[in-house]
PDB file of all heavy atoms in Angstrom:
ATOM      1  N   ARG A   1     -22.633 -38.497 -26.719  1.00  0.00           N
ATOM      2  CA  ARG A   1     -23.777 -37.937 -25.986  1.00  0.00           C
ATOM      3  C   ARG A   1     -25.069 -38.688 -26.324  1.00  0.00           C
ATOM      4  O   ARG A   1     -25.843 -39.039 -25.432  1.00  0.00           O
ATOM      5  CB  ARG A   1     -23.948 -36.453 -26.337  1.00  0.00           C
ATOM      6  CG  ARG A   1     -25.185 -35.813 -25.680  1.00  0.00           C
ATOM      7  CD  ARG A   1     -25.468 -34.435 -26.239  1.00  0.00           C
ATOM      8  NE  ARG A   1     -25.735 -34.516 -27.669  1.00  0.00           N
ATOM      9  CZ  ARG A   1     -25.533 -33.505 -28.533  1.00  0.00           C
ATOM     10  NH1 ARG A   1     -25.059 -32.352 -28.104  1.00  0.00           N
ATOM     11  NH2 ARG A   1     -25.799 -33.662 -29.811  1.00  0.00           N
ATOM     12  N   ASP A   2     -25.298 -38.932 -27.620  1.00  0.00           N
ATOM     13  CA  ASP A   2     -26.539 -39.606 -28.033  1.00  0.00           C
ATOM     14  C   ASP A   2     -26.676 -40.973 -27.370  1.00  0.00           C
ATOM     15  O   ASP A   2     -27.770 -41.371 -26.946  1.00  0.00           O
ATOM     16  CB  ASP A   2     -26.566 -39.777 -29.563  1.00  0.00           C
ATOM     17  CG  ASP A   2     -26.576 -38.431 -30.284  1.00  0.00           C
ATOM     18  OD1 ASP A   2     -26.878 -37.414 -29.637  1.00  0.00           O
ATOM     19  OD2 ASP A   2     -26.265 -38.412 -31.489  1.00  0.00           O
ATOM     20  N   THR A   3     -25.553 -41.690 -27.276  1.00  0.00           N
ATOM     21  CA  THR A   3     -25.573 -43.031 -26.683  1.00  0.00           C
ATOM     22  C   THR A   3     -25.813 -42.957 -25.171  1.00  0.00           C
ATOM     23  O   THR A   3     -26.599 -43.742 -24.619  1.00  0.00           O
ATOM     24  CB  THR A   3     -24.258 -43.781 -26.990  1.00  0.00           C
ATOM     25  OG1 THR A   3     -23.980 -43.682 -28.390  1.00  0.00           O
ATOM     26  CG2 THR A   3     -24.350 -45.252 -26.623  1.00  0.00           C
ATOM     27  N   LEU A   4     -25.148 -42.014 -24.514  1.00  0.00           N
ATOM     28  CA  LEU A   4     -25.393 -41.815 -23.076  1.00  0.00           C
ATOM     29  C   LEU A   4     -26.849 -41.457 -22.814  1.00  0.00           C
ATOM     30  O   LEU A   4     -27.476 -41.975 -21.876  1.00  0.00           O
ATOM     31  CB  LEU A   4     -24.493 -40.695 -22.523  1.00  0.00           C
ATOM     32  CG  LEU A   4     -23.000 -40.977 -22.387  1.00  0.00           C
ATOM     33  CD1 LEU A   4     -22.267 -39.697 -21.969  1.00  0.00           C
ATOM     34  CD2 LEU A   4     -22.716 -42.085 -21.385  1.00  0.00           C
ATOM     35  N   MET A   5     -27.400 -40.580 -23.663  1.00  0.00           N
ATOM     36  CA  MET A   5     -28.799 -40.156 -23.501  1.00  0.00           C
ATOM     37  C   MET A   5     -29.742 -41.350 -23.647  1.00  0.00           C
ATOM     38  O   MET A   5     -30.719 -41.493 -22.913  1.00  0.00           O
ATOM     39  CB  MET A   5     -29.148 -39.083 -24.544  1.00  0.00           C
ATOM     40  CG  MET A   5     -28.435 -37.770 -24.320  1.00  0.00           C
ATOM     41  SD  MET A   5     -29.130 -36.811 -22.980  1.00  0.00           S
ATOM     42  CE  MET A   5     -30.574 -36.140 -23.771  1.00  0.00           C
ATOM     43  N   ASN A   6     -29.417 -42.200 -24.607  1.00  0.00           N
ATOM     44  CA  ASN A   6     -30.229 -43.401 -24.833  1.00  0.00           C
ATOM     45  C   ASN A   6     -30.186 -44.321 -23.617  1.00  0.00           C
ATOM     46  O   ASN A   6     -31.222 -44.791 -23.123  1.00  0.00           O
ATOM     47  CB  ASN A   6     -29.718 -44.120 -26.093  1.00  0.00           C
ATOM     48  CG  ASN A   6     -30.742 -45.064 -26.684  1.00  0.00           C
ATOM     49  OD1 ASN A   6     -31.617 -45.568 -25.993  1.00  0.00           O
ATOM     50  ND2 ASN A   6     -30.629 -45.315 -27.971  1.00  0.00           N
ATOM     51  N   LEU A   7     -28.975 -44.554 -23.094  1.00  0.00           N
ATOM     52  CA  LEU A   7     -28.828 -45.403 -21.903  1.00  0.00           C
ATOM     53  C   LEU A   7     -29.551 -44.802 -20.703  1.00  0.00           C
ATOM     54  O   LEU A   7     -30.166 -45.522 -19.907  1.00  0.00           O
ATOM     55  CB  LEU A   7     -27.340 -45.584 -21.562  1.00  0.00           C
ATOM     56  CG  LEU A   7     -26.516 -46.457 -22.520  1.00  0.00           C
ATOM     57  CD1 LEU A   7     -25.028 -46.301 -22.217  1.00  0.00           C
ATOM     58  CD2 LEU A   7     -26.928 -47.914 -22.444  1.00  0.00           C
ATOM     59  N   ALA A   8     -29.492 -43.467 -20.569  1.00  0.00           N
ATOM     60  CA  ALA A   8     -30.088 -42.786 -19.413  1.00  0.00           C
ATOM     61  C   ALA A   8     -31.618 -42.823 -19.430  1.00  0.00           C
ATOM     62  O   ALA A   8     -32.255 -42.533 -18.422  1.00  0.00           O
ATOM     63  CB  ALA A   8     -29.597 -41.343 -19.342  1.00  0.00           C
ATOM     64  N   GLN A   9     -32.193 -43.199 -20.566  1.00  0.00           N
ATOM     65  CA  GLN A   9     -33.654 -43.369 -20.601  1.00  0.00           C
ATOM     66  C   GLN A   9     -34.077 -44.598 -19.794  1.00  0.00           C
ATOM     67  O   GLN A   9     -35.210 -44.671 -19.303  1.00  0.00           O
ATOM     68  CB  GLN A   9     -34.139 -43.518 -22.049  1.00  0.00           C
ATOM     69  CG  GLN A   9     -34.086 -42.232 -22.839  1.00  0.00           C
ATOM     70  CD  GLN A   9     -34.423 -42.445 -24.304  1.00  0.00           C
ATOM     71  OE1 GLN A   9     -34.956 -43.494 -24.674  1.00  0.00           O
ATOM     72  NE2 GLN A   9     -34.132 -41.462 -25.124  1.00  0.00           N
ATOM     73  N   GLY A  10     -33.161 -45.584 -19.689  1.00  0.00           N
ATOM     74  CA  GLY A  10     -33.475 -46.808 -18.938  1.00  0.00           C
ATOM     75  C   GLY A  10     -34.617 -47.591 -19.556  1.00  0.00           C
ATOM     76  O   GLY A  10     -35.511 -48.070 -18.857  1.00  0.00           O
ATOM     77  N   THR A  11     -34.595 -47.714 -20.886  1.00  0.00           N
ATOM     78  CA  THR A  11     -35.706 -48.393 -21.583  1.00  0.00           C
ATOM     79  C   THR A  11     -35.249 -49.673 -22.293  1.00  0.00           C
ATOM     80  O   THR A  11     -35.895 -50.106 -23.253  1.00  0.00           O
ATOM     81  CB  THR A  11     -36.365 -47.441 -22.610  1.00  0.00           C
ATOM     82  OG1 THR A  11     -35.345 -46.896 -23.455  1.00  0.00           O
ATOM     83  CG2 THR A  11     -37.092 -46.304 -21.918  1.00  0.00           C
ATOM     84  N   ARG A  12     -34.153 -50.256 -21.850  1.00  0.00           N
ATOM     85  CA  ARG A  12     -33.706 -51.514 -22.459  1.00  0.00           C
ATOM     86  C   ARG A  12     -34.761 -52.603 -22.246  1.00  0.00           C
ATOM     87  O   ARG A  12     -35.327 -52.726 -21.151  1.00  0.00           O
ATOM     88  CB  ARG A  12     -32.380 -51.955 -21.828  1.00  0.00           C
ATOM     89  CG  ARG A  12     -31.811 -53.237 -22.453  1.00  0.00           C
ATOM     90  CD  ARG A  12     -30.553 -53.699 -21.760  1.00  0.00           C
ATOM     91  NE  ARG A  12     -29.442 -52.779 -21.858  1.00  0.00           N
ATOM     92  CZ  ARG A  12     -28.699 -52.608 -22.957  1.00  0.00           C
ATOM     93  NH1 ARG A  12     -28.975 -53.297 -24.058  1.00  0.00           N
ATOM     94  NH2 ARG A  12     -27.703 -51.754 -22.966  1.00  0.00           N
ATOM     95  N   MET A  13     -35.036 -53.381 -23.281  1.00  0.00           N
ATOM     96  CA  MET A  13     -35.955 -54.527 -23.117  1.00  0.00           C
ATOM     97  C   MET A  13     -35.325 -55.508 -22.127  1.00  0.00           C
ATOM     98  O   MET A  13     -34.105 -55.686 -22.124  1.00  0.00           O
ATOM     99  CB  MET A  13     -36.209 -55.198 -24.460  1.00  0.00           C
ATOM    100  CG  MET A  13     -36.962 -54.313 -25.445  1.00  0.00           C
ATOM    101  SD  MET A  13     -37.352 -55.173 -26.981  1.00  0.00           S
ATOM    102  CE  MET A  13     -38.759 -56.126 -26.481  1.00  0.00           C
ATOM    103  N   GLU A  14     -36.152 -56.132 -21.325  1.00  0.00           N
ATOM    104  CA  GLU A  14     -35.616 -57.053 -20.318  1.00  0.00           C
ATOM    105  C   GLU A  14     -36.229 -58.435 -20.486  1.00  0.00           C
ATOM    106  O   GLU A  14     -37.455 -58.578 -20.563  1.00  0.00           O
ATOM    107  CB  GLU A  14     -35.889 -56.499 -18.913  1.00  0.00           C
ATOM    108  CG  GLU A  14     -35.078 -55.232 -18.630  1.00  0.00           C
ATOM    109  CD  GLU A  14     -35.246 -54.718 -17.208  1.00  0.00           C
ATOM    110  OE1 GLU A  14     -36.314 -54.948 -16.619  1.00  0.00           O
ATOM    111  OE2 GLU A  14     -34.312 -54.078 -16.696  1.00  0.00           O
ATOM    112  N   GLY A  15     -35.342 -59.436 -20.560  1.00  0.00           N
ATOM    113  CA  GLY A  15     -35.802 -60.827 -20.588  1.00  0.00           C
ATOM    114  C   GLY A  15     -36.366 -61.308 -21.907  1.00  0.00           C
ATOM    115  O   GLY A  15     -36.723 -62.470 -22.041  1.00  0.00           O
ATOM    116  N   TYR A  16     -36.462 -60.426 -22.902  1.00  0.00           N
ATOM    117  CA  TYR A  16     -37.074 -60.820 -24.175  1.00  0.00           C
ATOM    118  C   TYR A  16     -35.994 -61.122 -25.202  1.00  0.00           C
ATOM    119  O   TYR A  16     -35.023 -60.382 -25.332  1.00  0.00           O
ATOM    120  CB  TYR A  16     -37.975 -59.688 -24.687  1.00  0.00           C
ATOM    121  CG  TYR A  16     -38.567 -59.950 -26.055  1.00  0.00           C
ATOM    122  CD1 TYR A  16     -39.667 -60.784 -26.212  1.00  0.00           C
ATOM    123  CD2 TYR A  16     -38.002 -59.386 -27.200  1.00  0.00           C
ATOM    124  CE1 TYR A  16     -40.205 -61.042 -27.461  1.00  0.00           C
ATOM    125  CE2 TYR A  16     -38.531 -59.630 -28.453  1.00  0.00           C
ATOM    126  CZ  TYR A  16     -39.638 -60.452 -28.579  1.00  0.00           C
ATOM    127  OH  TYR A  16     -40.160 -60.702 -29.826  1.00  0.00           O
ATOM    128  N   ALA A  17     -36.175 -62.199 -25.950  1.00  0.00           N
ATOM    129  CA  ALA A  17     -35.236 -62.541 -27.022  1.00  0.00           C
ATOM    130  C   ALA A  17     -35.999 -63.132 -28.202  1.00  0.00           C
ATOM    131  O   ALA A  17     -36.917 -63.933 -28.022  1.00  0.00           O
ATOM    132  CB  ALA A  17     -34.195 -63.536 -26.517  1.00  0.00           C
ATOM    133  N   ASP A  18     -35.608 -62.722 -29.398  1.00  0.00           N
ATOM    134  CA  ASP A  18     -36.254 -63.206 -30.627  1.00  0.00           C
ATOM    135  C   ASP A  18     -35.168 -63.718 -31.574  1.00  0.00           C
ATOM    136  O   ASP A  18     -34.543 -62.927 -32.286  1.00  0.00           O
ATOM    137  CB  ASP A  18     -37.046 -62.065 -31.273  1.00  0.00           C
ATOM    138  CG  ASP A  18     -37.762 -62.526 -32.546  1.00  0.00           C
ATOM    139  OD1 ASP A  18     -37.629 -63.719 -32.911  1.00  0.00           O
ATOM    140  OD2 ASP A  18     -38.430 -61.691 -33.175  1.00  0.00           O
ATOM    141  N   PRO A  19     -34.932 -65.042 -31.568  1.00  0.00           N
ATOM    142  CA  PRO A  19     -33.867 -65.599 -32.414  1.00  0.00           C
ATOM    143  C   PRO A  19     -34.018 -65.231 -33.886  1.00  0.00           C
ATOM    144  O   PRO A  19     -33.019 -65.097 -34.607  1.00  0.00           O
ATOM    145  CB  PRO A  19     -34.007 -67.116 -32.206  1.00  0.00           C
ATOM    146  CG  PRO A  19     -34.722 -67.268 -30.903  1.00  0.00           C
ATOM    147  CD  PRO A  19     -35.630 -66.080 -30.795  1.00  0.00           C
ATOM    148  N   SER A  20     -35.263 -65.043 -34.348  1.00  0.00           N
ATOM    149  CA  SER A  20     -35.489 -64.794 -35.778  1.00  0.00           C
ATOM    150  C   SER A  20     -34.947 -63.433 -36.237  1.00  0.00           C
ATOM    151  O   SER A  20     -34.695 -63.237 -37.421  1.00  0.00           O
ATOM    152  CB  SER A  20     -36.985 -64.882 -36.101  1.00  0.00           C
ATOM    153  OG  SER A  20     -37.691 -63.844 -35.447  1.00  0.00           O
ATOM    154  N   THR A  21     -34.759 -62.487 -35.292  1.00  0.00           N
ATOM    155  CA  THR A  21     -34.234 -61.163 -35.699  1.00  0.00           C
ATOM    156  C   THR A  21     -32.751 -60.975 -35.371  1.00  0.00           C
ATOM    157  O   THR A  21     -32.171 -59.941 -35.692  1.00  0.00           O
ATOM    158  CB  THR A  21     -35.034 -60.028 -35.017  1.00  0.00           C
ATOM    159  OG1 THR A  21     -34.860 -60.147 -33.596  1.00  0.00           O
ATOM    160  CG2 THR A  21     -36.511 -60.089 -35.353  1.00  0.00           C
ATOM    161  N   ALA A  22     -32.133 -61.958 -34.723  1.00  0.00           N
ATOM    162  CA  ALA A  22     -30.742 -61.815 -34.285  1.00  0.00           C
ATOM    163  C   ALA A  22     -29.788 -61.624 -35.469  1.00  0.00           C
ATOM    164  O   ALA A  22     -28.912 -60.750 -35.443  1.00  0.00           O
ATOM    165  CB  ALA A  22     -30.314 -63.019 -33.456  1.00  0.00           C
ATOM    166  N   ALA A  23     -29.981 -62.410 -36.537  1.00  0.00           N
ATOM    167  CA  ALA A  23     -29.103 -62.298 -37.713  1.00  0.00           C
ATOM    168  C   ALA A  23     -29.267 -60.941 -38.396  1.00  0.00           C
ATOM    169  O   ALA A  23     -28.293 -60.332 -38.848  1.00  0.00           O
ATOM    170  CB  ALA A  23     -29.405 -63.432 -38.694  1.00  0.00           C
ATOM    171  N   GLN A  24     -30.514 -60.470 -38.438  1.00  0.00           N
ATOM    172  CA  GLN A  24     -30.800 -59.167 -39.041  1.00  0.00           C
ATOM    173  C   GLN A  24     -30.109 -58.042 -38.249  1.00  0.00           C
ATOM    174  O   GLN A  24     -29.474 -57.147 -38.834  1.00  0.00           O
ATOM    175  CB  GLN A  24     -32.317 -58.954 -39.040  1.00  0.00           C
ATOM    176  CG  GLN A  24     -32.803 -57.689 -39.713  1.00  0.00           C
ATOM    177  CD  GLN A  24     -34.318 -57.536 -39.528  1.00  0.00           C
ATOM    178  OE1 GLN A  24     -35.024 -58.502 -39.212  1.00  0.00           O
ATOM    179  NE2 GLN A  24     -34.804 -56.326 -39.710  1.00  0.00           N
ATOM    180  N   ASP A  25     -30.219 -58.092 -36.921  1.00  0.00           N
ATOM    181  CA  ASP A  25     -29.544 -57.094 -36.074  1.00  0.00           C
ATOM    182  C   ASP A  25     -28.024 -57.170 -36.248  1.00  0.00           C
ATOM    183  O   ASP A  25     -27.339 -56.143 -36.292  1.00  0.00           O
ATOM    184  CB  ASP A  25     -29.890 -57.324 -34.594  1.00  0.00           C
ATOM    185  CG  ASP A  25     -31.322 -56.947 -34.258  1.00  0.00           C
ATOM    186  OD1 ASP A  25     -31.926 -56.173 -35.023  1.00  0.00           O
ATOM    187  OD2 ASP A  25     -31.842 -57.430 -33.229  1.00  0.00           O
ATOM    188  N   ALA A  26     -27.504 -58.390 -36.335  1.00  0.00           N
ATOM    189  CA  ALA A  26     -26.060 -58.576 -36.505  1.00  0.00           C
ATOM    190  C   ALA A  26     -25.594 -57.971 -37.824  1.00  0.00           C
ATOM    191  O   ALA A  26     -24.523 -57.361 -37.893  1.00  0.00           O
ATOM    192  CB  ALA A  26     -25.708 -60.066 -36.444  1.00  0.00           C
ATOM    193  N   MET A  27     -26.414 -58.117 -38.863  1.00  0.00           N
ATOM    194  CA  MET A  27     -26.070 -57.552 -40.175  1.00  0.00           C
ATOM    195  C   MET A  27     -26.031 -56.020 -40.107  1.00  0.00           C
ATOM    196  O   MET A  27     -25.147 -55.383 -40.687  1.00  0.00           O
ATOM    197  CB  MET A  27     -27.089 -58.004 -41.230  1.00  0.00           C
ATOM    198  CG  MET A  27     -26.731 -57.580 -42.649  1.00  0.00           C
ATOM    199  SD  MET A  27     -25.109 -58.197 -43.184  1.00  0.00           S
ATOM    200  CE  MET A  27     -25.522 -59.891 -43.614  1.00  0.00           C
TER     201      MET A  27
END
């Protein structure tokens, strides 16, 4: 439910990418 609720907000960032935080997110 929590994940569906998050998706239903429709607030995903679009077109933005930050290579410097990718490894941190992956961890």
